[in-house]
Amino acid sequence: MVGGGHDHDYERFAPQTPDGAADPTRGIREFVVGTGDKNHRPFGSPKPNSELRDATAFGVLKLTLKPKAYDWQFIPEPGKSFTDSGSGACH
């Protein structure tokens, strides 16, 4: 799993190789969480393996790390309804 906050939005990618090829078995999941208190940035065309995108809510990404797995939950600012959550296996 890798995270970044370079854009002012939220985006979750499916597990992929370092070259960007989908790899559901051994790939690395990426999150872009630039949802602090700056203006949102509009999205361009979706990148390969993008699963979910939002540029309407500020918030935080809560990660729960386990010995062989992880859970994620996007918690939006009060009054916003966008959420995201799930889990993945570590390998």
PDB file of N, CA and C in Angstrom:
ATOM      1  N   MET A   1       0.850  -1.154   0.000  1.00  0.00           N
ATOM      2  CA  MET A   1       0.000   0.000   0.000  1.00  0.00           C
ATOM      3  C   MET A   1       0.903   1.227   0.000  1.00  0.00           C
ATOM      4  N   VAL A   2       0.516   2.218  -0.770  1.00  0.00           N
ATOM      5  CA  VAL A   2       1.266   3.469  -0.831  1.00  0.00           C
ATOM      6  C   VAL A   2       0.254   4.608  -0.821  1.00  0.00           C
ATOM      7  N   GLY A   3       0.623   5.713  -0.192  1.00  0.00           N
ATOM      8  CA  GLY A   3      -0.258   6.871  -0.130  1.00  0.00           C
ATOM      9  C   GLY A   3       0.451   8.116  -0.605  1.00  0.00           C
ATOM     10  N   GLY A   4      -0.320   9.042  -1.108  1.00  0.00           N
ATOM     11  CA  GLY A   4       0.210  10.324  -1.545  1.00  0.00           C
ATOM     12  C   GLY A   4      -0.854  11.385  -1.375  1.00  0.00           C
ATOM     13  N   GLY A   5      -0.464  12.642  -1.365  1.00  0.00           N
ATOM     14  CA  GLY A   5      -1.424  13.725  -1.226  1.00  0.00           C
ATOM     15  C   GLY A   5      -1.115  14.879  -2.146  1.00  0.00           C
ATOM     16  N   HIS A   6      -0.535  14.589  -3.289  1.00  0.00           N
ATOM     17  CA  HIS A   6      -0.081  15.640  -4.186  1.00  0.00           C
ATOM     18  C   HIS A   6      -1.216  16.352  -4.906  1.00  0.00           C
ATOM     19  N   ASP A   7      -2.361  15.716  -5.089  1.00  0.00           N
ATOM     20  CA  ASP A   7      -3.521  16.376  -5.693  1.00  0.00           C
ATOM     21  C   ASP A   7      -4.508  16.726  -4.583  1.00  0.00           C
ATOM     22  N   HIS A   8      -5.375  17.659  -4.842  1.00  0.00           N
ATOM     23  CA  HIS A   8      -6.354  18.087  -3.840  1.00  0.00           C
ATOM     24  C   HIS A   8      -7.668  17.363  -4.070  1.00  0.00           C
ATOM     25  N   ASP A   9      -7.623  16.045  -3.835  1.00  0.00           N
ATOM     26  CA  ASP A   9      -8.777  15.185  -4.061  1.00  0.00           C
ATOM     27  C   ASP A   9      -8.514  13.844  -3.390  1.00  0.00           C
ATOM     28  N   TYR A  10      -9.443  12.898  -3.582  1.00  0.00           N
ATOM     29  CA  TYR A  10      -9.303  11.536  -3.067  1.00  0.00           C
ATOM     30  C   TYR A  10      -9.416  10.581  -4.242  1.00  0.00           C
ATOM     31  N   GLU A  11      -8.482   9.654  -4.328  1.00  0.00           N
ATOM     32  CA  GLU A  11      -8.557   8.637  -5.372  1.00  0.00           C
ATOM     33  C   GLU A  11      -7.948   7.343  -4.836  1.00  0.00           C
ATOM     34  N   ARG A  12      -8.626   6.232  -5.136  1.00  0.00           N
ATOM     35  CA  ARG A  12      -8.148   4.901  -4.745  1.00  0.00           C
ATOM     36  C   ARG A  12      -7.921   4.080  -6.001  1.00  0.00           C
ATOM     37  N   PHE A  13      -6.763   3.423  -6.041  1.00  0.00           N
ATOM     38  CA  PHE A  13      -6.400   2.593  -7.183  1.00  0.00           C
ATOM     39  C   PHE A  13      -6.428   1.120  -6.794  1.00  0.00           C
ATOM     40  N   ALA A  14      -6.771   0.274  -7.743  1.00  0.00           N
ATOM     41  CA  ALA A  14      -6.703  -1.173  -7.561  1.00  0.00           C
ATOM     42  C   ALA A  14      -5.239  -1.579  -7.423  1.00  0.00           C
ATOM     43  N   PRO A  15      -4.983  -2.717  -6.809  1.00  0.00           N
ATOM     44  CA  PRO A  15      -3.592  -3.184  -6.724  1.00  0.00           C
ATOM     45  C   PRO A  15      -2.961  -3.267  -8.119  1.00  0.00           C
ATOM     46  N   GLN A  16      -1.705  -2.788  -8.197  1.00  0.00           N
ATOM     47  CA  GLN A  16      -1.016  -2.726  -9.482  1.00  0.00           C
ATOM     48  C   GLN A  16       0.484  -2.891  -9.294  1.00  0.00           C
ATOM     49  N   THR A  17       1.167  -3.167 -10.385  1.00  0.00           N
ATOM     50  CA  THR A  17       2.623  -3.282 -10.369  1.00  0.00           C
ATOM     51  C   THR A  17       3.228  -1.878 -10.345  1.00  0.00           C
ATOM     52  N   PRO A  18       4.529  -1.760 -10.060  1.00  0.00           N
ATOM     53  CA  PRO A  18       5.169  -0.440 -10.124  1.00  0.00           C
ATOM     54  C   PRO A  18       5.059   0.217 -11.497  1.00  0.00           C
ATOM     55  N   ASP A  19       4.869  -0.588 -12.542  1.00  0.00           N
ATOM     56  CA  ASP A  19       4.708  -0.048 -13.896  1.00  0.00           C
ATOM     57  C   ASP A  19       3.274   0.332 -14.223  1.00  0.00           C
ATOM     58  N   GLY A  20       2.330   0.094 -13.280  1.00  0.00           N
ATOM     59  CA  GLY A  20       0.947   0.486 -13.484  1.00  0.00           C
ATOM     60  C   GLY A  20       0.052  -0.576 -14.093  1.00  0.00           C
ATOM     61  N   ALA A  21       0.523  -1.805 -14.190  1.00  0.00           N
ATOM     62  CA  ALA A  21      -0.318  -2.892 -14.710  1.00  0.00           C
ATOM     63  C   ALA A  21      -1.143  -3.471 -13.568  1.00  0.00           C
ATOM     64  N   ALA A  22      -2.411  -3.750 -13.821  1.00  0.00           N
ATOM     65  CA  ALA A  22      -3.274  -4.342 -12.798  1.00  0.00           C
ATOM     66  C   ALA A  22      -2.679  -5.668 -12.328  1.00  0.00           C
ATOM     67  N   ASP A  23      -2.663  -5.874 -11.012  1.00  0.00           N
ATOM     68  CA  ASP A  23      -2.147  -7.108 -10.428  1.00  0.00           C
ATOM     69  C   ASP A  23      -2.896  -7.367  -9.126  1.00  0.00           C
ATOM     70  N   PRO A  24      -4.097  -7.995  -9.198  1.00  0.00           N
ATOM     71  CA  PRO A  24      -4.902  -8.193  -8.002  1.00  0.00           C
ATOM     72  C   PRO A  24      -4.283  -9.134  -6.972  1.00  0.00           C
ATOM     73  N   THR A  25      -3.324  -9.960  -7.373  1.00  0.00           N
ATOM     74  CA  THR A  25      -2.728 -10.926  -6.460  1.00  0.00           C
ATOM     75  C   THR A  25      -1.525 -10.373  -5.701  1.00  0.00           C
ATOM     76  N   ARG A  26      -0.607  -9.710  -6.391  1.00  0.00           N
ATOM     77  CA  ARG A  26       0.631  -9.244  -5.763  1.00  0.00           C
ATOM     78  C   ARG A  26       0.846  -7.735  -5.884  1.00  0.00           C
ATOM     79  N   GLY A  27      -0.136  -7.011  -6.413  1.00  0.00           N
ATOM     80  CA  GLY A  27       0.029  -5.585  -6.650  1.00  0.00           C
ATOM     81  C   GLY A  27      -0.023  -4.733  -5.388  1.00  0.00           C
ATOM     82  N   ILE A  28       0.328  -3.479  -5.558  1.00  0.00           N
ATOM     83  CA  ILE A  28       0.336  -2.494  -4.482  1.00  0.00           C
ATOM     84  C   ILE A  28      -0.851  -1.560  -4.682  1.00  0.00           C
ATOM     85  N   ARG A  29      -1.652  -1.379  -3.631  1.00  0.00           N
ATOM     86  CA  ARG A  29      -2.788  -0.451  -3.702  1.00  0.00           C
ATOM     87  C   ARG A  29      -2.273   0.957  -3.410  1.00  0.00           C
ATOM     88  N   GLU A  30      -2.774   1.934  -4.163  1.00  0.00           N
ATOM     89  CA  GLU A  30      -2.383   3.328  -3.968  1.00  0.00           C
ATOM     90  C   GLU A  30      -3.598   4.164  -3.609  1.00  0.00           C
ATOM     91  N   PHE A  31      -3.390   5.089  -2.667  1.00  0.00           N
ATOM     92  CA  PHE A  31      -4.391   6.087  -2.307  1.00  0.00           C
ATOM     93  C   PHE A  31      -3.785   7.465  -2.524  1.00  0.00           C
ATOM     94  N   VAL A  32      -4.540   8.366  -3.106  1.00  0.00           N
ATOM     95  CA  VAL A  32      -4.188   9.787  -3.147  1.00  0.00           C
ATOM     96  C   VAL A  32      -5.177  10.474  -2.227  1.00  0.00           C
ATOM     97  N   VAL A  33      -4.666  11.072  -1.164  1.00  0.00           N
ATOM     98  CA  VAL A  33      -5.535  11.682  -0.156  1.00  0.00           C
ATOM     99  C   VAL A  33      -5.049  13.110   0.084  1.00  0.00           C
ATOM    100  N   GLY A  34      -5.392  13.988  -0.831  1.00  0.00           N
ATOM    101  CA  GLY A  34      -5.057  15.402  -0.701  1.00  0.00           C
ATOM    102  C   GLY A  34      -6.295  16.164  -0.277  1.00  0.00           C
ATOM    103  N   THR A  35      -6.888  15.745   0.836  1.00  0.00           N
ATOM    104  CA  THR A  35      -8.190  16.260   1.244  1.00  0.00           C
ATOM    105  C   THR A  35      -8.103  17.110   2.504  1.00  0.00           C
ATOM    106  N   GLY A  36      -7.023  17.891   2.603  1.00  0.00           N
ATOM    107  CA  GLY A  36      -6.888  18.826   3.715  1.00  0.00           C
ATOM    108  C   GLY A  36      -7.702  20.074   3.436  1.00  0.00           C
ATOM    109  N   ASP A  37      -7.293  21.194   4.002  1.00  0.00           N
ATOM    110  CA  ASP A  37      -8.119  22.409   3.904  1.00  0.00           C
ATOM    111  C   ASP A  37      -7.679  23.325   2.773  1.00  0.00           C
ATOM    112  N   LYS A  38      -7.530  22.798   1.590  1.00  0.00           N
ATOM    113  CA  LYS A  38      -7.206  23.579   0.394  1.00  0.00           C
ATOM    114  C   LYS A  38      -8.304  23.331  -0.627  1.00  0.00           C
ATOM    115  N   ASN A  39      -8.450  24.196  -1.597  1.00  0.00           N
ATOM    116  CA  ASN A  39      -9.472  23.999  -2.628  1.00  0.00           C
ATOM    117  C   ASN A  39      -9.285  22.655  -3.323  1.00  0.00           C
ATOM    118  N   HIS A  40     -10.400  22.010  -3.659  1.00  0.00           N
ATOM    119  CA  HIS A  40     -10.328  20.764  -4.409  1.00  0.00           C
ATOM    120  C   HIS A  40      -9.866  21.042  -5.828  1.00  0.00           C
ATOM    121  N   ARG A  41      -9.215  20.068  -6.418  1.00  0.00           N
ATOM    122  CA  ARG A  41      -8.741  20.181  -7.792  1.00  0.00           C
ATOM    123  C   ARG A  41      -9.604  19.268  -8.657  1.00  0.00           C
ATOM    124  N   PRO A  42     -10.124  19.761  -9.775  1.00  0.00           N
ATOM    125  CA  PRO A  42     -10.960  18.904 -10.626  1.00  0.00           C
ATOM    126  C   PRO A  42     -10.134  17.779 -11.251  1.00  0.00           C
ATOM    127  N   PHE A  43     -10.800  16.666 -11.541  1.00  0.00           N
ATOM    128  CA  PHE A  43     -10.144  15.517 -12.154  1.00  0.00           C
ATOM    129  C   PHE A  43     -10.077  15.665 -13.658  1.00  0.00           C
ATOM    130  N   GLY A  44      -9.046  15.096 -14.249  1.00  0.00           N
ATOM    131  CA  GLY A  44      -8.973  14.903 -15.683  1.00  0.00           C
ATOM    132  C   GLY A  44      -9.512  13.513 -15.989  1.00  0.00           C
ATOM    133  N   SER A  45      -9.047  12.942 -17.060  1.00  0.00           N
ATOM    134  CA  SER A  45      -9.458  11.583 -17.422  1.00  0.00           C
ATOM    135  C   SER A  45      -8.945  10.596 -16.381  1.00  0.00           C
ATOM    136  N   PRO A  46      -9.728   9.548 -16.093  1.00  0.00           N
ATOM    137  CA  PRO A  46      -9.268   8.548 -15.114  1.00  0.00           C
ATOM    138  C   PRO A  46      -7.979   7.863 -15.568  1.00  0.00           C
ATOM    139  N   LYS A  47      -7.099   7.612 -14.624  1.00  0.00           N
ATOM    140  CA  LYS A  47      -5.873   6.861 -14.881  1.00  0.00           C
ATOM    141  C   LYS A  47      -6.199   5.365 -14.844  1.00  0.00           C
ATOM    142  N   PRO A  48      -5.379   4.537 -15.476  1.00  0.00           N
ATOM    143  CA  PRO A  48      -5.618   3.098 -15.408  1.00  0.00           C
ATOM    144  C   PRO A  48      -5.665   2.612 -13.952  1.00  0.00           C
ATOM    145  N   ASN A  49      -6.540   1.689 -13.682  1.00  0.00           N
ATOM    146  CA  ASN A  49      -6.715   1.043 -12.370  1.00  0.00           C
ATOM    147  C   ASN A  49      -7.365   1.935 -11.316  1.00  0.00           C
ATOM    148  N   SER A  50      -7.824   3.122 -11.688  1.00  0.00           N
ATOM    149  CA  SER A  50      -8.542   3.968 -10.736  1.00  0.00           C
ATOM    150  C   SER A  50      -9.873   3.309 -10.399  1.00  0.00           C
ATOM    151  N   GLU A  51     -10.147   3.155  -9.103  1.00  0.00           N
ATOM    152  CA  GLU A  51     -11.390   2.514  -8.676  1.00  0.00           C
ATOM    153  C   GLU A  51     -12.431   3.509  -8.185  1.00  0.00           C
ATOM    154  N   LEU A  52     -11.992   4.579  -7.541  1.00  0.00           N
ATOM    155  CA  LEU A  52     -12.929   5.533  -6.945  1.00  0.00           C
ATOM    156  C   LEU A  52     -12.263   6.887  -6.831  1.00  0.00           C
ATOM    157  N   ARG A  53     -13.019   7.950  -7.169  1.00  0.00           N
ATOM    158  CA  ARG A  53     -12.475   9.312  -7.094  1.00  0.00           C
ATOM    159  C   ARG A  53     -13.516  10.246  -6.515  1.00  0.00           C
ATOM    160  N   ASP A  54     -13.050  11.249  -5.762  1.00  0.00           N
ATOM    161  CA  ASP A  54     -13.962  12.255  -5.225  1.00  0.00           C
ATOM    162  C   ASP A  54     -13.213  13.564  -5.036  1.00  0.00           C
ATOM    163  N   ALA A  55     -13.853  14.657  -5.408  1.00  0.00           N
ATOM    164  CA  ALA A  55     -13.291  15.989  -5.184  1.00  0.00           C
ATOM    165  C   ALA A  55     -14.361  16.895  -4.591  1.00  0.00           C
ATOM    166  N   THR A  56     -15.195  16.331  -3.688  1.00  0.00           N
ATOM    167  CA  THR A  56     -16.261  17.123  -3.074  1.00  0.00           C
ATOM    168  C   THR A  56     -16.133  17.235  -1.565  1.00  0.00           C
ATOM    169  N   ALA A  57     -15.347  16.342  -0.937  1.00  0.00           N
ATOM    170  CA  ALA A  57     -15.304  16.316   0.526  1.00  0.00           C
ATOM    171  C   ALA A  57     -13.869  16.371   1.033  1.00  0.00           C
ATOM    172  N   PHE A  58     -13.643  17.207   2.020  1.00  0.00           N
ATOM    173  CA  PHE A  58     -12.395  17.151   2.759  1.00  0.00           C
ATOM    174  C   PHE A  58     -12.543  16.040   3.791  1.00  0.00           C
ATOM    175  N   GLY A  59     -11.437  15.499   4.261  1.00  0.00           N
ATOM    176  CA  GLY A  59     -11.511  14.447   5.266  1.00  0.00           C
ATOM    177  C   GLY A  59     -10.171  13.790   5.474  1.00  0.00           C
ATOM    178  N   VAL A  60     -10.209  12.640   6.167  1.00  0.00           N
ATOM    179  CA  VAL A  60      -8.989  11.893   6.472  1.00  0.00           C
ATOM    180  C   VAL A  60      -9.165  10.428   6.089  1.00  0.00           C
ATOM    181  N   LEU A  61      -8.061   9.759   5.843  1.00  0.00           N
ATOM    182  CA  LEU A  61      -8.075   8.331   5.570  1.00  0.00           C
ATOM    183  C   LEU A  61      -7.565   7.615   6.817  1.00  0.00           C
ATOM    184  N   LYS A  62      -8.422   6.810   7.411  1.00  0.00           N
ATOM    185  CA  LYS A  62      -8.056   6.023   8.583  1.00  0.00           C
ATOM    186  C   LYS A  62      -7.584   4.655   8.101  1.00  0.00           C
ATOM    187  N   LEU A  63      -6.355   4.289   8.479  1.00  0.00           N
ATOM    188  CA  LEU A  63      -5.797   2.990   8.121  1.00  0.00           C
ATOM    189  C   LEU A  63      -5.629   2.154   9.377  1.00  0.00           C
ATOM    190  N   THR A  64      -6.076   0.922   9.325  1.00  0.00           N
ATOM    191  CA  THR A  64      -5.886  -0.026  10.419  1.00  0.00           C
ATOM    192  C   THR A  64      -4.992  -1.133   9.879  1.00  0.00           C
ATOM    193  N   LEU A  65      -3.782  -1.210  10.429  1.00  0.00           N
ATOM    194  CA  LEU A  65      -2.811  -2.183   9.954  1.00  0.00           C
ATOM    195  C   LEU A  65      -2.831  -3.414  10.841  1.00  0.00           C
ATOM    196  N   LYS A  66      -2.825  -4.571  10.205  1.00  0.00           N
ATOM    197  CA  LYS A  66      -2.878  -5.859  10.892  1.00  0.00           C
ATOM    198  C   LYS A  66      -1.677  -6.691  10.428  1.00  0.00           C
ATOM    199  N   PRO A  67      -1.392  -7.814  11.091  1.00  0.00           N
ATOM    200  CA  PRO A  67      -0.228  -8.610  10.684  1.00  0.00           C
ATOM    201  C   PRO A  67      -0.230  -9.028   9.210  1.00  0.00           C
ATOM    202  N   LYS A  68      -1.387  -9.369   8.644  1.00  0.00           N
ATOM    203  CA  LYS A  68      -1.429  -9.836   7.256  1.00  0.00           C
ATOM    204  C   LYS A  68      -2.498  -9.146   6.429  1.00  0.00           C
ATOM    205  N   ALA A  69      -2.980  -8.016   6.913  1.00  0.00           N
ATOM    206  CA  ALA A  69      -4.052  -7.322   6.194  1.00  0.00           C
ATOM    207  C   ALA A  69      -4.109  -5.854   6.629  1.00  0.00           C
ATOM    208  N   TYR A  70      -4.968  -5.095   5.970  1.00  0.00           N
ATOM    209  CA  TYR A  70      -5.200  -3.699   6.335  1.00  0.00           C
ATOM    210  C   TYR A  70      -6.643  -3.343   5.994  1.00  0.00           C
ATOM    211  N   ASP A  71      -7.179  -2.384   6.724  1.00  0.00           N
ATOM    212  CA  ASP A  71      -8.499  -1.823   6.455  1.00  0.00           C
ATOM    213  C   ASP A  71      -8.326  -0.343   6.193  1.00  0.00           C
ATOM    214  N   TRP A  72      -9.198   0.218   5.362  1.00  0.00           N
ATOM    215  CA  TRP A  72      -9.197   1.661   5.166  1.00  0.00           C
ATOM    216  C   TRP A  72     -10.610   2.191   5.290  1.00  0.00           C
ATOM    217  N   GLN A  73     -10.683   3.458   5.708  1.00  0.00           N
ATOM    218  CA  GLN A  73     -11.969   4.153   5.808  1.00  0.00           C
ATOM    219  C   GLN A  73     -11.717   5.633   5.601  1.00  0.00           C
ATOM    220  N   PHE A  74     -12.363   6.220   4.603  1.00  0.00           N
ATOM    221  CA  PHE A  74     -12.309   7.667   4.423  1.00  0.00           C
ATOM    222  C   PHE A  74     -13.396   8.280   5.295  1.00  0.00           C
ATOM    223  N   ILE A  75     -12.998   9.207   6.150  1.00  0.00           N
ATOM    224  CA  ILE A  75     -13.931   9.872   7.063  1.00  0.00           C
ATOM    225  C   ILE A  75     -14.059  11.317   6.597  1.00  0.00           C
ATOM    226  N   PRO A  76     -15.229  11.692   6.081  1.00  0.00           N
ATOM    227  CA  PRO A  76     -15.398  13.046   5.540  1.00  0.00           C
ATOM    228  C   PRO A  76     -15.623  14.081   6.629  1.00  0.00           C
ATOM    229  N   GLU A  77     -15.452  15.327   6.247  1.00  0.00           N
ATOM    230  CA  GLU A  77     -15.759  16.442   7.141  1.00  0.00           C
ATOM    231  C   GLU A  77     -17.248  16.412   7.484  1.00  0.00           C
ATOM    232  N   PRO A  78     -17.633  16.988   8.619  1.00  0.00           N
ATOM    233  CA  PRO A  78     -19.057  17.022   8.978  1.00  0.00           C
ATOM    234  C   PRO A  78     -19.897  17.661   7.869  1.00  0.00           C
ATOM    235  N   GLY A  79     -21.035  17.050   7.591  1.00  0.00           N
ATOM    236  CA  GLY A  79     -21.952  17.568   6.587  1.00  0.00           C
ATOM    237  C   GLY A  79     -21.754  16.999   5.190  1.00  0.00           C
ATOM    238  N   LYS A  80     -20.688  16.249   4.964  1.00  0.00           N
ATOM    239  CA  LYS A  80     -20.449  15.632   3.648  1.00  0.00           C
ATOM    240  C   LYS A  80     -20.787  14.154   3.707  1.00  0.00           C
ATOM    241  N   SER A  81     -21.202  13.602   2.587  1.00  0.00           N
ATOM    242  CA  SER A  81     -21.661  12.211   2.591  1.00  0.00           C
ATOM    243  C   SER A  81     -20.704  11.242   1.908  1.00  0.00           C
ATOM    244  N   PHE A  82     -19.683  11.726   1.207  1.00  0.00           N
ATOM    245  CA  PHE A  82     -18.774  10.801   0.528  1.00  0.00           C
ATOM    246  C   PHE A  82     -18.005   9.971   1.550  1.00  0.00           C
ATOM    247  N   THR A  83     -17.985   8.658   1.355  1.00  0.00           N
ATOM    248  CA  THR A  83     -17.182   7.758   2.176  1.00  0.00           C
ATOM    249  C   THR A  83     -16.587   6.678   1.284  1.00  0.00           C
ATOM    250  N   ASP A  84     -15.602   6.007   1.821  1.00  0.00           N
ATOM    251  CA  ASP A  84     -15.004   4.868   1.157  1.00  0.00           C
ATOM    252  C   ASP A  84     -14.419   3.977   2.245  1.00  0.00           C
ATOM    253  N   SER A  85     -14.519   2.676   2.063  1.00  0.00           N
ATOM    254  CA  SER A  85     -13.924   1.766   3.035  1.00  0.00           C
ATOM    255  C   SER A  85     -13.699   0.423   2.382  1.00  0.00           C
ATOM    256  N   GLY A  86     -12.807  -0.357   2.958  1.00  0.00           N
ATOM    257  CA  GLY A  86     -12.525  -1.670   2.439  1.00  0.00           C
ATOM    258  C   GLY A  86     -11.373  -2.290   3.181  1.00  0.00           C
ATOM    259  N   SER A  87     -10.877  -3.391   2.632  1.00  0.00           N
ATOM    260  CA  SER A  87      -9.755  -4.070   3.237  1.00  0.00           C
ATOM    261  C   SER A  87      -8.930  -4.747   2.162  1.00  0.00           C
ATOM    262  N   GLY A  88      -7.702  -5.058   2.497  1.00  0.00           N
ATOM    263  CA  GLY A  88      -6.808  -5.732   1.569  1.00  0.00           C
ATOM    264  C   GLY A  88      -5.867  -6.647   2.331  1.00  0.00           C
ATOM    265  N   ALA A  89      -5.277  -7.578   1.608  1.00  0.00           N
ATOM    266  CA  ALA A  89      -4.330  -8.513   2.202  1.00  0.00           C
ATOM    267  C   ALA A  89      -2.907  -8.021   1.960  1.00  0.00           C
ATOM    268  N   CYS A  90      -2.053  -8.275   2.928  1.00  0.00           N
ATOM    269  CA  CYS A  90      -0.626  -7.985   2.769  1.00  0.00           C
ATOM    270  C   CYS A  90       0.049  -9.236   2.216  1.00  0.00           C
ATOM    271  N   HIS A  91       1.093  -9.037   1.431  1.00  0.00           N
ATOM    272  CA  HIS A  91       1.827 -10.184   0.873  1.00  0.00           C
ATOM    273  C   HIS A  91       3.296  -9.886   0.877  1.00  0.00           C
TER     274      HIS A  91
END
